[in-house]
Amino acid sequence: MKTQNNCFIGFNNEFKESNAVLFGAPFDGTTSFKPGARFAPMAIREDSWAIETYSPYLDKDLEDLKLFDYGNLELPFGDKMGTLSIIESMVDDIIKANKIPIMLGGEHLISYASIKSLAKKYKNLNLIHFDAHTDLREHYLNEHFSHATVMRRVHDILGDKKLNQFCIRSGLKEEFIWAKEHTYLEKFTYKTLEKCVKRLKNEPVYISIDLDVFDPSVFPGTGTPEPGGINFHQMLEIIQTLKNLQNVVGIDIVELSPKYDSSGVSTAVACKTLRELVLAVID
């Protein structure tokens, strides 16, 4: 049995018996401002032992689920395409075993690889995306693959009106104009999330949470802090709504940079966000 510090609390089942598999993708090679997200997966695992497996918000317990923590992938420094290939192969293996992948970043570019893998199995895959930033640039500093372009690259895979973006409050004017035609984008808030969840209730859905969706007063430990975000109670409202989805096929939580919050509060918020989301959408 896995023990404290080498797995996320409650994720101590074996692979074969588990319904979902957690793994870390410690990569921040395209971070555009302050790097450090590669240190998040281990920080989250370590600090998870300061919370409980039981959620009083949902009246559910991680110990009642079958969950496995694979650990971190070994990723090549400076090779983003090699990194994406490794992540894609990992998710391929997880879904071939009929399990749900849960990925801990790392920066947001890693979402591309997980979604690419899942899209091979689920032809009508949809994304629900929480973030401060649009991430819809065609390129950033002449790079097509970046955490600033990741959702544009996801659109390349999924197509129009498959991206559902919430709480967005930063991006180029051109990105917002482009989103009006190609994605469902909610600026500043999540007020239309319930409607989105009803529309996608039985469809295959991937959930991506960029933790800079939180206001920096709640979550300063990120490489691109953006004032005007949500608080933790609002995240709980979001997760309560996501609970109504019937076919969540993958999850990621990205962009914690723990060294920018020496208090540890940001890492604690990341831990509880992961716990609540897993309990809400995984059986």
Protein backbone atom coordinates (compact mmCIF):
# COMPACT_ATOMS: atom_id res chain seq x y z
CA MET A 1 0.00 0.00 0.00
CA LYS A 2 1.26 3.46 -0.86
CA THR A 3 1.90 5.71 2.10
CA GLN A 4 2.18 9.35 3.07
CA ASN A 5 4.05 11.68 0.69
CA ASN A 6 4.34 9.27 -2.24
CA CYS A 7 0.67 9.39 -3.21
CA PHE A 8 -2.27 11.75 -2.88
CA ILE A 9 -4.28 10.91 0.21
CA GLY A 10 -6.92 8.26 -0.53
CA PHE A 11 -5.31 7.17 -3.81
CA ASN A 12 -3.75 4.02 -2.36
CA ASN A 13 -5.49 1.26 -4.31
CA GLU A 14 -3.78 -0.87 -6.91
CA PHE A 15 -3.99 -0.05 -10.61
CA LYS A 16 -6.01 -3.10 -11.62
CA GLU A 17 -8.77 -2.50 -9.09
CA SER A 18 -9.04 1.26 -9.57
CA ASN A 19 -11.57 3.23 -11.59
CA ALA A 20 -9.36 6.30 -11.94
CA VAL A 21 -5.61 6.87 -12.19
CA LEU A 22 -3.82 9.99 -10.97
CA PHE A 23 -0.47 10.94 -12.47
CA GLY A 24 1.78 13.97 -12.37
CA ALA A 25 3.14 15.76 -15.44
CA PRO A 26 5.85 18.04 -13.98
CA PHE A 27 6.48 20.23 -17.01
CA ASP A 28 6.65 24.04 -17.28
CA GLY A 29 8.78 24.47 -20.39
CA THR A 30 6.56 27.07 -22.09
CA THR A 31 5.59 29.10 -19.04
CA SER A 32 5.45 32.71 -20.21
CA PHE A 33 5.94 34.57 -16.91
CA LYS A 34 7.09 32.83 -13.72
CA PRO A 35 8.11 29.14 -13.95
CA GLY A 36 7.75 26.60 -11.19
CA ALA A 37 4.61 24.58 -12.02
CA ARG A 38 6.73 21.46 -12.45
CA PHE A 39 7.07 21.31 -8.66
CA ALA A 40 3.30 21.19 -8.11
CA PRO A 41 2.51 17.46 -8.35
CA MET A 42 4.77 16.48 -5.47
CA ALA A 43 3.77 19.52 -3.39
CA ILE A 44 0.11 18.61 -3.82
CA ARG A 45 0.73 15.00 -2.83
CA GLU A 46 2.69 15.99 0.26
CA ASP A 47 0.19 18.59 1.45
CA SER A 48 -2.80 16.34 0.77
CA TRP A 49 -1.93 14.54 3.98
CA ALA A 50 -2.94 17.68 5.88
CA ILE A 51 -6.54 17.36 4.67
CA GLU A 52 -9.00 14.50 5.12
CA THR A 53 -10.29 11.95 2.63
CA TYR A 54 -13.85 12.85 3.68
CA SER A 55 -15.67 15.85 2.20
CA PRO A 56 -18.33 17.39 4.44
CA TYR A 57 -19.41 19.47 1.43
CA LEU A 58 -20.38 16.39 -0.60
CA ASP A 59 -20.73 13.85 2.24
CA LYS A 60 -18.45 11.50 0.33
CA ASP A 61 -15.07 9.94 1.08
CA LEU A 62 -12.13 9.13 -1.17
CA GLU A 63 -11.70 5.88 0.75
CA ASP A 64 -15.00 4.70 -0.70
CA LEU A 65 -13.63 4.98 -4.25
CA LYS A 66 -11.05 2.87 -6.06
CA LEU A 67 -8.22 5.28 -6.89
CA PHE A 68 -4.59 4.75 -7.89
CA ASP A 69 -1.69 7.22 -7.89
CA TYR A 70 0.87 6.32 -10.56
CA GLY A 71 3.33 8.99 -9.47
CA ASN A 72 5.06 11.42 -11.80
CA LEU A 73 5.98 10.83 -15.42
CA GLU A 74 9.65 11.21 -16.31
CA LEU A 75 9.65 14.02 -18.87
CA PRO A 76 12.56 15.26 -21.00
CA PHE A 77 13.81 18.74 -20.09
CA GLY A 78 13.43 21.25 -22.90
CA ASP A 79 11.47 18.91 -25.19
CA LYS A 80 7.83 19.92 -25.22
CA MET A 81 6.82 17.69 -28.12
CA GLY A 82 8.54 14.71 -26.51
CA THR A 83 6.74 15.56 -23.28
CA LEU A 84 3.37 15.71 -25.02
CA SER A 85 4.03 12.35 -26.67
CA ILE A 86 4.82 10.71 -23.30
CA ILE A 87 1.66 12.12 -21.73
CA GLU A 88 -0.46 11.00 -24.68
CA SER A 89 0.93 7.47 -24.39
CA MET A 90 0.23 7.42 -20.67
CA VAL A 91 -3.38 8.44 -21.18
CA ASP A 92 -3.69 5.90 -24.01
CA ASP A 93 -2.70 3.17 -21.54
CA ILE A 94 -5.09 4.40 -18.87
CA ILE A 95 -8.13 4.52 -21.14
CA LYS A 96 -7.26 1.18 -22.74
CA ALA A 97 -7.60 -0.23 -19.22
CA ASN A 98 -11.05 1.45 -19.00
CA LYS A 99 -9.96 3.89 -16.31
CA ILE A 100 -10.30 7.65 -16.01
CA PRO A 101 -7.10 9.73 -16.22
CA ILE A 102 -6.55 12.48 -13.63
CA MET A 103 -3.53 14.61 -14.49
CA LEU A 104 -1.70 17.01 -12.17
CA GLY A 105 0.34 19.76 -13.80
CA GLY A 106 2.59 21.27 -14.55
CA GLU A 107 1.63 24.01 -16.96
CA HIS A 108 -1.49 24.08 -19.09
CA LEU A 109 0.04 22.89 -22.36
CA ILE A 110 -0.04 19.35 -21.00
CA SER A 111 -3.84 19.32 -21.34
CA TYR A 112 -3.40 19.08 -25.10
CA ALA A 113 -1.83 15.63 -24.91
CA SER A 114 -4.46 14.19 -22.59
CA ILE A 115 -7.32 15.56 -24.69
CA LYS A 116 -5.68 14.32 -27.89
CA SER A 117 -5.60 10.82 -26.48
CA LEU A 118 -9.18 10.86 -25.25
CA ALA A 119 -10.46 12.30 -28.55
CA LYS A 120 -9.29 9.12 -30.29
CA LYS A 121 -11.78 7.13 -28.21
CA TYR A 122 -14.56 9.70 -27.77
CA LYS A 123 -15.52 11.22 -31.11
CA ASN A 124 -17.89 13.73 -29.53
CA LEU A 125 -15.55 14.83 -26.74
CA ASN A 126 -16.33 18.18 -25.09
CA LEU A 127 -14.17 20.31 -22.83
CA ILE A 128 -15.23 22.33 -19.79
CA HIS A 129 -12.41 24.75 -19.01
CA PHE A 130 -11.94 27.08 -16.02
CA ASP A 131 -9.22 29.68 -16.33
CA ALA A 132 -8.27 33.33 -16.00
CA HIS A 133 -6.92 33.30 -19.57
CA THR A 134 -8.39 32.53 -22.97
CA ASP A 135 -5.33 30.48 -24.11
CA LEU A 136 -6.65 30.88 -27.66
CA ARG A 137 -3.69 32.49 -29.43
CA GLU A 138 -2.72 30.97 -32.75
CA HIS A 139 0.92 31.36 -31.72
CA TYR A 140 2.94 32.92 -28.92
CA LEU A 141 6.44 34.19 -29.75
CA ASN A 142 6.11 32.21 -33.00
CA GLU A 143 5.42 29.00 -31.07
CA HIS A 144 2.22 27.12 -31.88
CA PHE A 145 2.45 24.89 -28.80
CA SER A 146 2.48 26.91 -25.58
CA HIS A 147 0.41 27.31 -22.46
CA ALA A 148 -0.83 30.53 -24.12
CA THR A 149 -2.07 28.61 -27.19
CA VAL A 150 -3.24 25.35 -25.66
CA MET A 151 -6.97 25.90 -26.11
CA ARG A 152 -6.48 26.89 -29.75
CA ARG A 153 -4.63 23.62 -30.26
CA VAL A 154 -7.42 21.76 -28.44
CA HIS A 155 -9.87 23.39 -30.84
CA ASP A 156 -7.79 21.97 -33.69
CA ILE A 157 -8.69 18.53 -32.31
CA LEU A 158 -12.27 18.97 -31.12
CA GLY A 159 -13.63 21.57 -33.54
CA ASP A 160 -16.13 24.38 -33.12
CA LYS A 161 -18.36 24.76 -30.05
CA LYS A 162 -16.73 21.90 -28.14
CA LEU A 163 -14.80 24.23 -25.81
CA ASN A 164 -16.80 25.64 -22.91
CA GLN A 165 -14.72 28.28 -21.13
CA PHE A 166 -15.61 29.95 -17.83
CA CYS A 167 -14.35 32.79 -15.63
CA ILE A 168 -12.12 34.10 -18.44
CA ARG A 169 -10.81 37.58 -17.72
CA SER A 170 -7.60 38.00 -19.70
CA GLY A 171 -6.51 37.66 -23.31
CA LEU A 172 -5.92 39.49 -26.54
CA LYS A 173 -8.88 41.29 -28.08
CA GLU A 174 -8.49 39.02 -31.10
CA GLU A 175 -8.91 35.94 -28.90
CA PHE A 176 -12.25 37.11 -27.56
CA ILE A 177 -13.43 37.95 -31.08
CA TRP A 178 -12.35 34.51 -32.31
CA ALA A 179 -14.08 32.80 -29.36
CA LYS A 180 -17.46 34.33 -30.26
CA GLU A 181 -17.52 32.21 -33.39
CA HIS A 182 -15.68 29.09 -32.29
CA THR A 183 -16.14 28.43 -28.53
CA TYR A 184 -18.59 29.06 -25.73
CA LEU A 185 -16.75 31.62 -23.59
CA GLU A 186 -18.14 33.16 -20.40
CA LYS A 187 -16.24 36.25 -19.28
CA PHE A 188 -15.60 36.80 -15.56
CA THR A 189 -18.12 34.28 -14.24
CA TYR A 190 -19.63 30.79 -14.43
CA LYS A 191 -23.29 31.86 -14.50
CA THR A 192 -24.07 29.74 -17.58
CA LEU A 193 -22.34 26.60 -16.28
CA GLU A 194 -25.59 24.96 -15.20
CA LYS A 195 -27.00 25.37 -18.70
CA CYS A 196 -23.78 23.95 -20.15
CA VAL A 197 -23.89 20.92 -17.86
CA LYS A 198 -27.51 20.21 -18.80
CA ARG A 199 -26.55 20.35 -22.49
CA LEU A 200 -23.58 18.02 -22.00
CA LYS A 201 -25.05 15.83 -19.27
CA ASN A 202 -24.65 12.54 -21.14
CA GLU A 203 -21.84 13.53 -23.49
CA PRO A 204 -18.18 12.62 -22.89
CA VAL A 205 -16.62 15.57 -21.04
CA TYR A 206 -13.07 16.48 -20.10
CA ILE A 207 -12.63 18.98 -17.25
CA SER A 208 -9.59 21.25 -17.11
CA ILE A 209 -9.02 23.58 -14.16
CA ASP A 210 -6.25 26.14 -14.47
CA LEU A 211 -5.80 27.19 -10.86
CA ASP A 212 -5.24 30.82 -11.79
CA VAL A 213 -9.02 30.88 -12.15
CA PHE A 214 -8.85 31.71 -8.43
CA ASP A 215 -8.28 35.29 -7.39
CA PRO A 216 -4.65 35.89 -6.33
CA SER A 217 -5.90 36.90 -2.88
CA VAL A 218 -6.99 33.26 -2.53
CA PHE A 219 -4.34 31.67 -4.72
CA PRO A 220 -1.11 33.65 -5.15
CA GLY A 221 0.91 30.53 -5.95
CA THR A 222 0.70 30.59 -9.72
CA GLY A 223 2.96 31.79 -12.51
CA THR A 224 0.43 34.14 -14.10
CA PRO A 225 -1.75 35.63 -11.32
CA GLU A 226 -4.74 37.61 -12.62
CA PRO A 227 -6.89 39.72 -10.26
CA GLY A 228 -10.65 39.39 -10.48
CA GLY A 229 -11.03 35.65 -9.96
CA ILE A 230 -13.24 33.37 -7.91
CA ASN A 231 -12.94 32.27 -4.30
CA PHE A 232 -13.00 28.72 -2.92
CA HIS A 233 -16.71 28.78 -2.05
CA GLN A 234 -17.45 29.67 -5.66
CA MET A 235 -15.32 26.73 -6.77
CA LEU A 236 -17.45 24.52 -4.54
CA GLU A 237 -20.55 25.84 -6.33
CA ILE A 238 -18.91 25.01 -9.65
CA ILE A 239 -18.09 21.49 -8.51
CA GLN A 240 -21.62 20.94 -7.20
CA THR A 241 -22.87 21.80 -10.68
CA LEU A 242 -20.33 19.53 -12.40
CA LYS A 243 -21.60 16.68 -10.23
CA ASN A 244 -24.59 16.43 -12.60
CA LEU A 245 -22.39 15.31 -15.50
CA GLN A 246 -22.84 11.62 -16.24
CA ASN A 247 -19.79 10.92 -18.42
CA VAL A 248 -16.63 12.67 -17.25
CA VAL A 249 -13.81 10.87 -19.05
CA GLY A 250 -10.79 12.88 -17.90
CA ILE A 251 -9.60 15.63 -15.55
CA ASP A 252 -6.63 17.87 -15.17
CA ILE A 253 -5.63 20.50 -12.61
CA VAL A 254 -2.74 22.72 -13.64
CA GLU A 255 -0.63 25.84 -13.04
CA LEU A 256 0.08 25.72 -9.31
CA SER A 257 3.58 27.11 -8.73
CA PRO A 258 4.05 26.38 -5.04
CA LYS A 259 7.23 28.38 -4.47
CA TYR A 260 5.34 31.65 -5.05
CA ASP A 261 3.22 31.06 -1.95
CA SER A 262 5.44 30.25 1.01
CA SER A 263 2.40 30.07 3.29
CA GLY A 264 1.23 26.89 1.56
CA VAL A 265 -2.32 28.20 1.19
CA SER A 266 -2.34 27.84 -2.59
CA THR A 267 -1.26 24.22 -2.38
CA ALA A 268 -3.96 23.54 0.22
CA VAL A 269 -6.56 25.06 -2.11
CA ALA A 270 -5.28 22.85 -4.94
CA CYS A 271 -5.56 19.77 -2.72
CA LYS A 272 -9.14 20.43 -1.72
CA THR A 273 -10.12 21.35 -5.26
CA LEU A 274 -8.82 17.99 -6.46
CA ARG A 275 -10.53 16.10 -3.64
CA GLU A 276 -13.89 17.77 -4.24
CA LEU A 277 -13.77 17.37 -8.01
CA VAL A 278 -12.86 13.69 -7.83
CA LEU A 279 -15.63 12.98 -5.34
CA ALA A 280 -18.14 14.88 -7.46
CA VAL A 281 -17.55 13.30 -10.85
CA ILE A 282 -15.92 9.88 -10.33
CA ASP A 283 -17.81 6.84 -9.05
